[in-house]
Every structure is written in structure tokens, then in C-alpha cells.
Protein backbone atom coordinates (compact mmCIF):
# COMPACT_ATOMS: atom_id res chain seq x y z
CA UNK A 1 222.66 81.07 112.27
CA UNK A 2 224.51 83.04 109.76
CA UNK A 3 225.94 86.40 111.22
CA UNK A 4 224.55 89.58 109.15
CA UNK A 5 226.19 92.70 108.59
CA UNK A 6 224.06 95.53 107.60
CA UNK A 7 225.68 98.71 106.15
CA UNK A 8 225.14 101.97 104.36
CA UNK A 9 221.62 102.74 105.60
CA UNK A 10 220.06 105.35 107.50
CA UNK A 11 219.20 103.51 110.84
CA UNK A 12 216.78 104.38 113.43
CA UNK A 13 218.73 104.85 116.39
CA UNK A 14 216.94 106.34 119.53
CA UNK A 15 215.16 109.45 118.27
CA UNK A 16 217.40 109.82 115.34
CA UNK A 17 218.24 108.40 111.78
CA UNK A 18 221.85 107.97 111.59
CA UNK A 19 224.18 106.53 109.08
CA UNK A 20 225.71 103.72 110.68
CA UNK A 21 226.01 99.59 110.46
CA UNK A 22 224.62 96.76 112.52
CA UNK A 23 226.22 93.40 113.31
CA UNK A 24 223.74 90.62 113.95
CA UNK A 25 224.82 87.39 115.62
CA UNK A 26 222.76 84.63 117.08
CA UNK A 27 219.52 86.24 116.56
CA UNK A 28 220.47 89.63 118.30
CA UNK A 29 221.85 93.03 117.58
CA UNK A 30 225.37 92.52 118.65
CA UNK A 31 227.43 95.71 117.43
CA UNK A 32 226.33 99.26 116.33
CA UNK A 33 228.68 101.22 113.95
CA UNK A 34 231.36 98.60 113.35
CA UNK A 35 233.25 97.80 110.39
CA UNK A 36 233.99 94.38 108.68
CA UNK A 37 232.09 91.55 106.84
CA UNK A 38 229.96 88.65 108.06
CA UNK A 39 228.29 85.56 106.87
CA UNK A 40 225.74 87.87 105.05
CA UNK A 41 226.37 91.19 104.13
CA UNK A 42 223.42 93.75 103.34
CA UNK A 43 223.80 97.11 101.37
CA UNK A 44 221.32 99.46 102.69
CA UNK A 45 222.61 102.20 100.72
CA UNK A 46 219.68 104.63 100.23
CA UNK A 47 217.40 102.56 102.63
CA UNK A 48 215.94 103.36 105.78
CA UNK A 49 216.95 100.69 108.42
CA UNK A 50 214.06 100.26 110.94
CA UNK A 51 213.05 98.23 113.85
CA UNK A 52 210.66 95.51 112.78
CA UNK A 53 206.70 96.42 113.31
CA UNK A 54 204.86 94.97 116.08
CA UNK A 55 201.06 94.42 115.36
CA UNK A 56 199.12 93.81 118.55
CA UNK A 57 195.91 93.42 116.83
CA UNK A 58 195.41 92.13 113.58
CA UNK A 59 192.47 89.87 112.20
CA UNK A 60 193.12 89.94 108.34
CA UNK A 61 194.09 86.31 108.54
CA UNK A 62 190.29 85.59 108.84
CA UNK A 63 190.09 86.48 105.06
CA UNK A 64 192.59 83.52 104.47
CA UNK A 65 190.56 81.35 106.45
CA UNK A 66 187.16 82.28 104.90
CA UNK A 67 187.68 84.39 101.98
CA UNK A 68 183.86 84.35 101.23
CA UNK A 69 181.35 83.76 103.39
CA UNK A 70 180.43 79.87 103.91
CA UNK A 71 183.89 79.09 102.07
CA UNK A 72 186.28 77.79 104.30
CA UNK A 73 190.47 77.23 103.87
CA UNK A 74 192.28 74.89 106.34
CA UNK A 75 193.79 77.00 109.28
CA UNK A 76 197.25 75.87 108.54
CA UNK A 77 197.01 77.20 105.06
CA UNK A 78 195.55 80.33 106.19
CA UNK A 79 198.29 80.91 108.74
CA UNK A 80 201.26 80.33 106.47
CA UNK A 81 199.74 82.82 103.79
CA UNK A 82 199.09 85.42 106.40
CA UNK A 83 202.55 85.16 107.68
CA UNK A 84 203.94 85.65 104.23
CA UNK A 85 201.84 88.88 103.87
CA UNK A 86 202.58 90.14 107.29
CA UNK A 87 206.48 89.63 106.88
CA UNK A 88 206.48 91.20 103.45
CA UNK A 89 204.57 94.24 105.02
CA UNK A 90 207.55 94.73 107.79
CA UNK A 91 205.69 93.14 110.43
CA UNK A 92 207.87 90.89 112.50
CA UNK A 93 205.73 90.22 115.47
CA UNK A 94 202.05 89.43 114.86
CA UNK A 95 199.54 88.86 117.45
CA UNK A 96 196.48 87.31 115.83
CA UNK A 97 193.33 88.66 116.89
CA UNK A 98 190.82 85.83 117.38
CA UNK A 99 187.22 86.56 118.32
CA UNK A 100 185.81 84.15 120.56
CA UNK A 101 182.17 84.31 120.51
CA UNK A 102 178.56 83.01 121.30
CA UNK A 103 178.46 82.74 117.40
CA UNK A 104 179.00 79.53 115.49
CA UNK A 105 180.97 79.43 112.27
CA UNK A 106 183.99 81.84 111.70
CA UNK A 107 184.19 83.32 115.10
CA UNK A 108 183.15 80.50 116.95
CA UNK A 109 184.79 78.57 119.92
CA UNK A 110 186.03 75.95 117.65
CA UNK A 111 187.49 78.10 115.49
CA UNK A 112 189.28 79.81 118.27
CA UNK A 113 190.71 76.58 119.84
CA UNK A 114 191.56 75.39 116.34
CA UNK A 115 193.75 78.52 115.30
CA UNK A 116 195.38 78.76 119.08
CA UNK A 117 196.53 75.17 118.32
CA UNK A 118 197.69 75.89 114.97
CA UNK A 119 199.69 78.83 115.82
CA UNK A 120 201.52 76.74 118.60
CA UNK A 121 201.99 73.85 116.02
CA UNK A 122 202.88 76.06 113.43
CA UNK A 123 205.37 78.64 115.22
CA UNK A 124 208.76 76.96 114.36
CA UNK A 125 207.82 77.24 110.59
CA UNK A 126 206.54 80.97 110.79
CA UNK A 127 208.67 83.83 109.75
CA UNK A 128 207.16 86.24 112.27
CA UNK A 129 206.99 85.85 115.90
CA UNK A 130 203.44 84.75 115.85
CA UNK A 131 201.20 84.85 119.04
CA UNK A 132 197.53 84.61 120.14
CA UNK A 133 195.60 87.57 121.10
CA UNK A 134 191.92 86.52 122.20
CA UNK A 135 189.05 88.79 121.62
CA UNK A 136 186.51 87.49 124.22
CA UNK A 137 182.82 88.46 123.47
CA UNK A 138 181.68 89.14 126.94
CA UNK A 139 178.28 87.55 126.46
CA UNK A 140 179.99 84.47 125.42
CA UNK A 141 179.46 82.85 129.05
CA UNK A 142 179.37 79.31 128.12
CA UNK A 143 183.27 79.01 127.43
CA UNK A 144 183.88 81.15 130.63
CA UNK A 145 185.63 78.27 132.45
CA UNK A 146 187.74 76.89 129.72
CA UNK A 147 189.11 80.52 128.79
CA UNK A 148 190.01 80.92 132.48
CA UNK A 149 191.96 77.43 131.92
CA UNK A 150 193.79 78.98 128.92
CA UNK A 151 194.67 81.96 130.78
CA UNK A 152 196.04 80.08 133.69
CA UNK A 153 197.96 77.95 131.54
CA UNK A 154 199.68 81.32 129.92
CA UNK A 155 198.52 80.11 126.37
CA UNK A 156 196.87 83.23 125.65
CA UNK A 157 199.37 86.40 124.73
CA UNK A 158 196.78 89.27 124.95
CA UNK A 159 193.46 89.16 126.46
CA UNK A 160 190.58 91.54 125.10
CA UNK A 161 187.08 92.15 126.32
CA UNK A 162 184.80 92.68 123.42
CA UNK A 163 180.85 93.76 123.69
CA UNK A 164 179.29 93.71 120.43
CA UNK A 165 176.16 92.70 121.74
CA UNK A 166 174.23 96.22 121.22
CA UNK A 167 175.46 96.71 117.78
CA UNK A 168 174.59 92.99 116.94
CA UNK A 169 170.98 93.60 117.98
CA UNK A 170 170.93 97.15 116.29
CA UNK A 171 171.95 95.51 113.09
CA UNK A 172 168.95 93.07 113.05
CA UNK A 173 166.94 95.68 111.67
CA UNK A 174 169.60 96.55 109.05
CA UNK A 175 168.96 93.97 106.16
CA UNK A 176 172.62 94.02 104.67
CA UNK A 177 174.48 93.93 107.93
CA UNK A 178 172.35 91.36 109.41
CA UNK A 179 172.97 88.97 106.38
CA UNK A 180 176.48 89.59 106.79
CA UNK A 181 176.42 88.17 110.32
CA UNK A 182 174.08 85.42 109.08
CA UNK A 183 176.24 84.03 106.59
CA UNK A 184 179.47 84.41 108.71
CA UNK A 185 177.76 82.37 111.46
CA UNK A 186 176.26 79.80 108.97
CA UNK A 187 172.87 79.76 110.08
CA UNK A 188 169.33 80.45 108.75
CA UNK A 189 168.13 84.02 109.56
CA UNK A 190 165.49 82.96 111.92
CA UNK A 191 167.97 80.86 113.81
CA UNK A 192 170.19 83.73 114.08
CA UNK A 193 167.70 86.16 115.42
CA UNK A 194 166.56 83.55 118.02
CA UNK A 195 170.38 83.00 118.96
CA UNK A 196 170.80 86.68 119.56
CA UNK A 197 167.71 87.07 121.61
CA UNK A 198 168.68 84.24 123.83
CA UNK A 199 172.43 85.56 124.50
CA UNK A 200 171.01 89.10 124.95
CA UNK A 201 169.01 88.01 127.80
CA UNK A 202 172.24 86.97 129.70
CA UNK A 203 173.15 90.68 130.36
CA UNK A 204 172.76 90.61 134.07
CA UNK A 205 175.73 88.19 134.55
CA UNK A 206 178.03 89.70 132.08
CA UNK A 207 179.90 91.80 134.74
CA UNK A 208 180.61 89.18 137.23
CA UNK A 209 182.10 86.88 134.41
CA UNK A 210 184.25 89.98 133.23
CA UNK A 211 185.57 90.25 137.11
CA UNK A 212 186.55 86.49 137.02
CA UNK A 213 188.19 86.52 133.72
CA UNK A 214 190.26 89.78 134.86
CA UNK A 215 191.31 88.21 137.94
CA UNK A 216 192.49 85.07 136.13
CA UNK A 217 194.60 87.14 133.40
CA UNK A 218 195.98 89.23 136.33
CA UNK A 219 197.16 86.15 138.35
CA UNK A 220 198.75 84.85 134.99
CA UNK A 221 200.27 88.11 134.15
CA UNK A 222 198.65 88.24 130.88
CA UNK A 223 198.14 91.85 129.57
CA UNK A 224 194.36 93.00 128.69
CA UNK A 225 192.60 95.36 126.58
CA UNK A 226 189.25 96.61 126.43
CA UNK A 227 187.47 97.32 122.98
CA UNK A 228 185.56 100.26 121.95
CA UNK A 229 185.31 102.01 125.29
CA UNK A 230 182.35 104.31 125.13
CA UNK A 231 183.01 106.55 128.13
CA UNK A 232 185.56 107.58 130.73
CA UNK A 233 183.42 105.74 133.23
CA UNK A 234 183.82 102.50 131.04
CA UNK A 235 187.57 102.93 130.87
CA UNK A 236 188.13 103.72 134.54
CA UNK A 237 186.15 100.70 135.12
CA UNK A 238 188.28 98.55 133.11
CA UNK A 239 191.50 100.04 134.39
CA UNK A 240 190.45 99.24 137.88
CA UNK A 241 190.43 95.49 137.06
CA UNK A 242 193.90 95.60 135.70
CA UNK A 243 193.07 96.30 131.93
CA UNK A 244 195.50 98.78 131.02
CA UNK A 245 195.25 98.89 127.08
CA UNK A 246 192.37 100.96 125.64
CA UNK A 247 191.63 99.62 122.12
CA UNK A 248 190.06 101.82 119.54
CA UNK A 249 188.17 104.23 122.24
CA UNK A 250 185.23 105.64 120.48
CA UNK A 251 185.51 109.25 121.54
CA UNK A 252 187.97 111.94 122.30
CA UNK A 253 186.83 112.07 126.06
CA UNK A 254 187.46 108.50 126.70
CA UNK A 255 190.78 108.54 124.87
CA UNK A 256 191.84 111.59 127.39
CA UNK A 257 190.69 109.46 130.18
CA UNK A 258 193.07 106.79 128.98
CA UNK A 259 196.08 108.81 128.72
CA UNK A 260 195.49 110.42 132.02
CA UNK A 261 195.25 107.12 133.60
CA UNK A 262 198.63 106.16 131.83
CA UNK A 263 196.93 103.51 129.76
CA UNK A 264 198.25 102.28 126.48
CA UNK A 265 196.04 103.53 123.62
CA UNK A 266 195.56 101.58 120.37
CA UNK A 267 194.01 102.89 117.19
CA UNK A 268 193.78 101.29 113.72
CA UNK A 269 196.39 102.10 111.13
CA UNK A 270 193.96 101.82 108.41
CA UNK A 271 191.99 104.74 109.83
CA UNK A 272 195.09 106.80 109.18
CA UNK A 273 195.86 105.48 105.78
CA UNK A 274 192.22 106.04 104.69
CA UNK A 275 191.83 109.55 106.40
CA UNK A 276 189.36 108.40 108.94
CA UNK A 277 187.30 105.61 110.56
CA UNK A 278 185.23 103.23 108.28
CA UNK A 279 182.83 103.52 111.16
CA UNK A 280 182.59 106.93 111.20
CA UNK A 281 183.98 107.26 114.71
CA UNK A 282 187.25 108.72 116.03
CA UNK A 283 189.69 110.32 113.44
CA UNK A 284 193.14 108.49 114.62
CA UNK A 285 195.35 110.99 113.19
CA UNK A 286 193.65 113.78 115.00
CA UNK A 287 194.09 111.66 118.23
CA UNK A 288 197.84 111.13 117.34
CA UNK A 289 198.38 115.13 116.69
CA UNK A 290 196.99 115.45 120.13
CA UNK A 291 199.13 112.82 121.93
CA UNK A 292 196.08 110.47 122.42
CA UNK A 293 197.44 107.31 120.64
CA UNK A 294 200.55 105.29 121.53
CA UNK A 295 199.85 102.23 119.34
CA UNK A 296 198.94 101.74 115.81
CA UNK A 297 197.60 98.35 114.72
CA UNK A 298 197.15 96.62 111.30
CA UNK A 299 193.40 95.79 112.52
CA UNK A 300 192.11 94.29 109.20
CA UNK A 301 194.83 94.98 106.84
CA UNK A 302 198.71 94.25 106.98
CA UNK A 303 199.89 96.85 104.74
CA UNK A 304 198.60 99.67 107.13
CA UNK A 305 201.09 100.12 109.76
CA UNK A 306 203.94 100.90 107.39
CA UNK A 307 201.58 103.16 104.97
CA UNK A 308 200.30 104.98 108.36
CA UNK A 309 203.93 105.85 109.83
CA UNK A 310 204.94 107.44 106.64
CA UNK A 311 201.57 109.23 105.92
CA UNK A 312 201.77 110.63 109.37
CA UNK A 313 205.12 112.07 108.16
CA UNK A 314 203.88 113.31 104.73
CA UNK A 315 201.14 115.12 106.61
CA UNK A 316 203.77 116.73 108.82
CA UNK A 317 201.95 115.50 112.06
CA UNK A 318 205.09 113.58 113.57
CA UNK A 319 208.75 112.95 112.28
CA UNK A 320 209.57 109.30 111.31
CA UNK A 321 211.14 108.46 114.31
CA UNK A 322 208.02 109.37 116.30
CA UNK A 323 205.65 107.79 113.83
CA UNK A 324 207.51 104.58 113.85
CA UNK A 325 207.25 104.35 117.59
CA UNK A 326 203.72 103.90 117.27
CA UNK A 327 204.06 100.51 115.40
CA UNK A 328 207.24 99.11 117.10
CA UNK A 329 208.31 100.65 120.42
CA UNK A 330 205.00 101.59 121.43
CA UNK A 331 203.12 98.26 120.86
CA UNK A 332 206.05 96.16 122.05
CA UNK A 333 205.99 98.31 125.41
CA UNK A 334 202.05 97.74 125.80
CA UNK A 335 202.42 94.06 125.15
CA UNK A 336 205.35 94.01 127.69
CA UNK A 337 208.08 92.87 125.14
CA UNK A 338 211.17 94.69 126.23
CA UNK A 339 213.71 92.72 124.04
CA UNK A 340 212.28 94.64 120.54
CA UNK A 341 210.97 97.56 119.16
CA UNK A 342 214.71 99.24 118.89
CA UNK A 343 217.98 99.12 117.33
CA UNK A 344 220.01 98.74 120.09
CA UNK A 345 222.65 96.17 121.20
CA UNK A 346 221.24 93.13 123.05
CA UNK A 347 218.02 93.69 121.18
CA UNK A 348 216.31 91.05 119.13
CA UNK A 349 217.26 91.30 115.54
CA UNK A 350 213.94 92.03 113.82
CA UNK A 351 214.84 94.73 111.45
CA UNK A 352 213.30 96.10 108.06
CA UNK A 353 214.91 97.71 105.33
CA UNK A 354 212.70 100.42 103.45
CA UNK A 355 213.03 102.27 100.28
CA UNK A 356 211.18 105.32 101.30
CA UNK A 357 212.10 107.47 98.09
CA UNK A 358 208.41 107.76 97.41
CA UNK A 359 207.08 109.53 100.58
CA UNK A 360 203.59 108.30 100.21
CA UNK A 361 204.51 104.66 99.12
CA UNK A 362 207.20 103.17 101.14
CA UNK A 363 208.46 99.52 100.04
CA UNK A 364 209.79 97.00 102.18
CA UNK A 365 213.01 95.71 100.47
CA UNK A 366 214.08 93.44 103.21
CA UNK A 367 213.11 91.84 106.41
CA UNK A 368 215.34 90.04 109.29
CA UNK A 369 213.20 88.07 112.19
CA UNK A 370 215.11 86.90 115.09
CA UNK A 371 218.18 87.41 112.95
CA UNK A 372 217.37 85.15 110.08
CA UNK A 373 216.84 87.08 106.55
CA UNK A 374 213.25 85.89 105.66
CA UNK A 375 212.58 88.38 102.99
CA UNK A 376 214.40 90.02 100.37
CA UNK A 377 213.34 91.77 96.99
CA UNK A 378 216.68 93.15 95.56
CA UNK A 379 219.33 90.39 95.59
CA UNK A 380 222.16 92.74 94.35
CA UNK A 381 221.95 94.23 97.65
CA UNK A 382 223.12 90.68 99.20
CA UNK A 383 226.83 89.33 99.35
CA UNK A 384 227.64 86.50 101.14
CA UNK A 385 230.76 84.63 101.99
CA UNK A 386 229.13 81.08 101.72
CA UNK A 387 228.54 81.66 97.81
CA UNK A 388 232.13 81.68 96.75
CA UNK A 389 232.66 78.12 98.59
CA UNK A 390 229.62 76.93 97.26
CA UNK A 391 230.61 77.45 93.74
CA UNK A 392 234.23 76.16 94.18
CA UNK A 393 232.57 73.13 95.83
CA UNK A 394 230.53 72.52 92.39
């Protein structure tokens, strides 16, 4: 692995942006504020040098798997393309949030299994540190034992409890929403309606299943999330089972309960970029201004975390160091990854160089992931001690 020396940039060191240099060796940041050269030298003049983005909830890969309803592409192709998209937007750690539902089709058990196996097989080829975030639909009782086995084997990196049954039932009376679900599942309309009715009848068995799965995750040391908490009571109930991450709480009262309990609070970065939720729920920028958000996730759009951080600065809600914490140090802490999220000696060398001369349109110039240069748009910024030797050899 070639050593890398980065100089001339504004580096995010602790709470400040400081003109300093970084030396990278064996995949780690080895020194700060040193002089000299390395196998690869990167000129970061005029750029911000920032810790890589940690994305703990992203499902944009689904569009690479099924770009149109009923049109499938191989999962390995989808993962490789998603990796390129994530890295080019500064994401160096990505948790693919795969829904394991009672539905057939895109969010089926078979697809979730295949995705997990593909991530495990492809990890050496992917630039981003790629992990598996299982979004378990709580009414999916049929696969509980299998999922408990995966938790025990620690093959799941994050485990979320999702319950979309009420919204699914409500959507049956809304033709456009119903048709999207029917197309995604690959069933006829009548067959889908019958399936929903059969699954909804399981409600009484769901709480005990949640308790068993939460126990399995606790025993395996896997961090858990609850999705779309609707009330403080719901958040307290999940916290009582060891679920320490509140993902997209739907109102301020619930977010305040999460904050009071010391929980990590996740909102979607697209919510910030677009100025509000596409569902009409909580406005993330307002929650951030009130100190009720510790993590922003890409959700369904990989460019969103980078854009959201800079929008928070442009809107004078947060300074860049504080905004960047929401997409790097904050999610790393929530996921239990103590080796990243900061530019410090001994930390994993996940680093991005950003041209932020246009405040609302930051542009990723270079990405280093685990000490390897994996993305570069301006080759004039790179000099290498290897190139002259190679030229001489020719």
C-alpha cells in the first residue's frame, strides 16, 4: 500500500478547519502537520480536507437492482455501480439498508439473502467499506428464526425494526400507491390484497417476535434502530429492549424523548436538501437547529449527505465542523465504529477532498478509502514518486 501525503488544504481537525498536512501509511493516518513527500502526494490547495462520510442508512442501491418495476438486474452489478456512486459523493462507509419483508419481489427474503451474500463476496472489490443494515418488517414472522441465526452469527451489521403494515393497509384504498406496491411485489392486485390481509391478521404475535429478535441482537452485540417511532411511549419501549437509535422519529415530541434518553437520532439528508420531508413529516433542519438530530443518512439519494452539510452552513444553522459531524463522526459513533469519523493519528484513513468554492454545490475532488486513493477528478493535483521510475523503465 502506497503512502500518501496531503498538503495545502483546510483540514477538519477536532472542531476547527486548520491549514495542515496529513501523512497516510498502511491504511491509517500516521502523522499530522508533517513535511516531506510520500509515494503519492496530493495538493489540496483551496480544498476542504474532511473525514469520509459514514452512511448508516442508504437504500438507493435498490434502483440499481430494479430501475423499473419488474425490471431486475444482477445484484453484483447493482452493488458495484452503487459503490461507484457512493464513493464519488464522498461516502467511504456505507450500510446498505435492505428491507426483509413478508412481500415477494424486491423486498423479499430471497433478495435480502442474495444481497447479504453478494456484499460478503464483493467486499474486497468495493472501494467503500460496505456493510449490511437489515430492515426487518416486524410482521415478517415466517423468517424470524433465520434472522435470529444471522444475528447470532454476526453477519448483520445494523438491525432495524420496521412496521409499515398500517401504511400498507391504508394504501390499498389509494390506487397509485397500491399499484406501486403491487408492481414491486410482482403479484396481481387481488393476490396482493389477500396477502396483506393474511399478514395483517398476525398482529398479536408481533410484540413477542420483536422481543426475541432484540434479545438475539443484544446477545450478538449488534446495534439496533427503530424506524418511524410515532410517540415517546414507542421510543421508550424500544429503548427498554436495547434499541438505542431512533430512525426518522415522526414528530418533535418523540425526538425530544430520544434526546432525553441519550439515543442517537437519525434523519434523512434529502429532507435537509429539499427543505422538508417528502412525506410531510418532521422537517430535519428544524430538528437539527433544536439539537434533536445526531445523524444524517443518505436514505434514498447518495449525493444528499454532502449537499445537506453544506446547506446547513449556507442556511446558518450550523458551522461546517458541526454539520460535518452529522454525516461522519455522529453516524460512526452511532454504529459503534470508533476508528473513523475524525482526522487524527491512528484513525482509519477515510478522507475526502472537497471543492466548496460554490457554497451550495460542493464537489468531491478526491477520495481516499482505507488509505487507498479510489477517486480523483483533477489529476494535476497528484504527483507520484513512482511515475518517474516507470517512465525511465520504458
